[in-house]
Amino acid sequence: MNRTVEGKTQVSAPVQAAYSYCEAVTGQQARNFAYGIRLLPAAKRRAMSALYAFSRRVDDIGDGALEPEVKAARLEDTRALLGRVRAGEVDEDDTDPVAVALSHAAQEFPIPLGGLDELIDGVLMDVHGQTYETWDDLKVYCRCVAGAIGRLSLGVFGTDPGARHAERAPEYADTLGLALQLTNILRDVREDAEGGRTYLPADDLAKFGCSAGFSGSEPPPGADFAGLVHFEVRRARALFAEGYRLLPMLDRRSGACVAAMAGIYRRLLDRIEREPEAVLSGRVSLPGREKALVAVRGLTGLDARHISRQSARRLS
């Protein structure tokens, strides 16, 4: 599948075509994610695109208009495909480019493919209409659909030789995934409600008078919606602070990638905190210029150094 020329791994034409397909999917459908992985060397960037394209397929099944039983069947078909990838049964001339790219990436990097099984499990929770009474309940879902992605990504990034406490890197990658997912949940409150989904814990909604849900651009009468948002923002910030301990364990470009992706979401969280009710009017997002600035800060190491100092102060 690959050969080495002047110390650089070259992939065959079919595999390169499969990766190109995955990179196109990533560029079109994952703008925040794409800003980060641009900072990676080619082999890692390709592998991350393969992971994204497979994950996108799983998410699209869950978000589609099919009946729940059809969605569940298609998700299990996707799990069977993952089993073929895991068993090394996907040839480079297979007609499924995502499977070809993911299979090659799994040969190149120690990717814990079980994380993709967890993603399928999480999307099945959506298909079955699962709701969440407490934060502990919601954490199970977030770990499946986001924490697992953090651990999968770590398989591509690896940790820097000699990094202190590197054995905790999967834990921090998982926690950073939770932080990003909770930010997503806050951003998409109105959109999810229109789709009949509620992710915020029921006990949090009750505490702030929001149990009636979010069917319009205004909070429920008498609700402390801003209080609810600020409460969840504080929770997300604590997760970010813990998850950012991963950064000093990564090489420069992998750390830049993570800092860029997480930095975009942290700024999004800042915006949500400033204008809580904006999430009820439409999707809150950052302009491309601001995302690019975050990516540059990640590449220069400014965010990683700042976070490393913060972590050292907390541990002292």
Foldseek 3Di string as FASTA:
>chain_A
DWDDDPRDIGDDPLLVVLLVVLLVCCVVPPVLLNLLLVLPPDLLSSLLSLVVSLLVVLVCLLPDDDQLVVSLVVLVVSVVLLVCLVVLNDDSPDPNSSSNSNSVSVVVWVFPSVLVVLLSVLSNCSSVQPEAADPVRLLSSLLNNFLSSLSRSCRSFPWDVPDPPVVCLSVLSSLLRSLLVLLVLLLQQQVQVVVVHHHPHCVLCVVQVQNVGQPALDGDPPGPQLVSLVVSLVVSVVSNLSSLVNLVGTPLSNSLSSQLSSVQSNVSSVVCNVPVSVSRVHGGHDDPVVSNVSSVCSNVCVVNVVSVVVVVVVVD
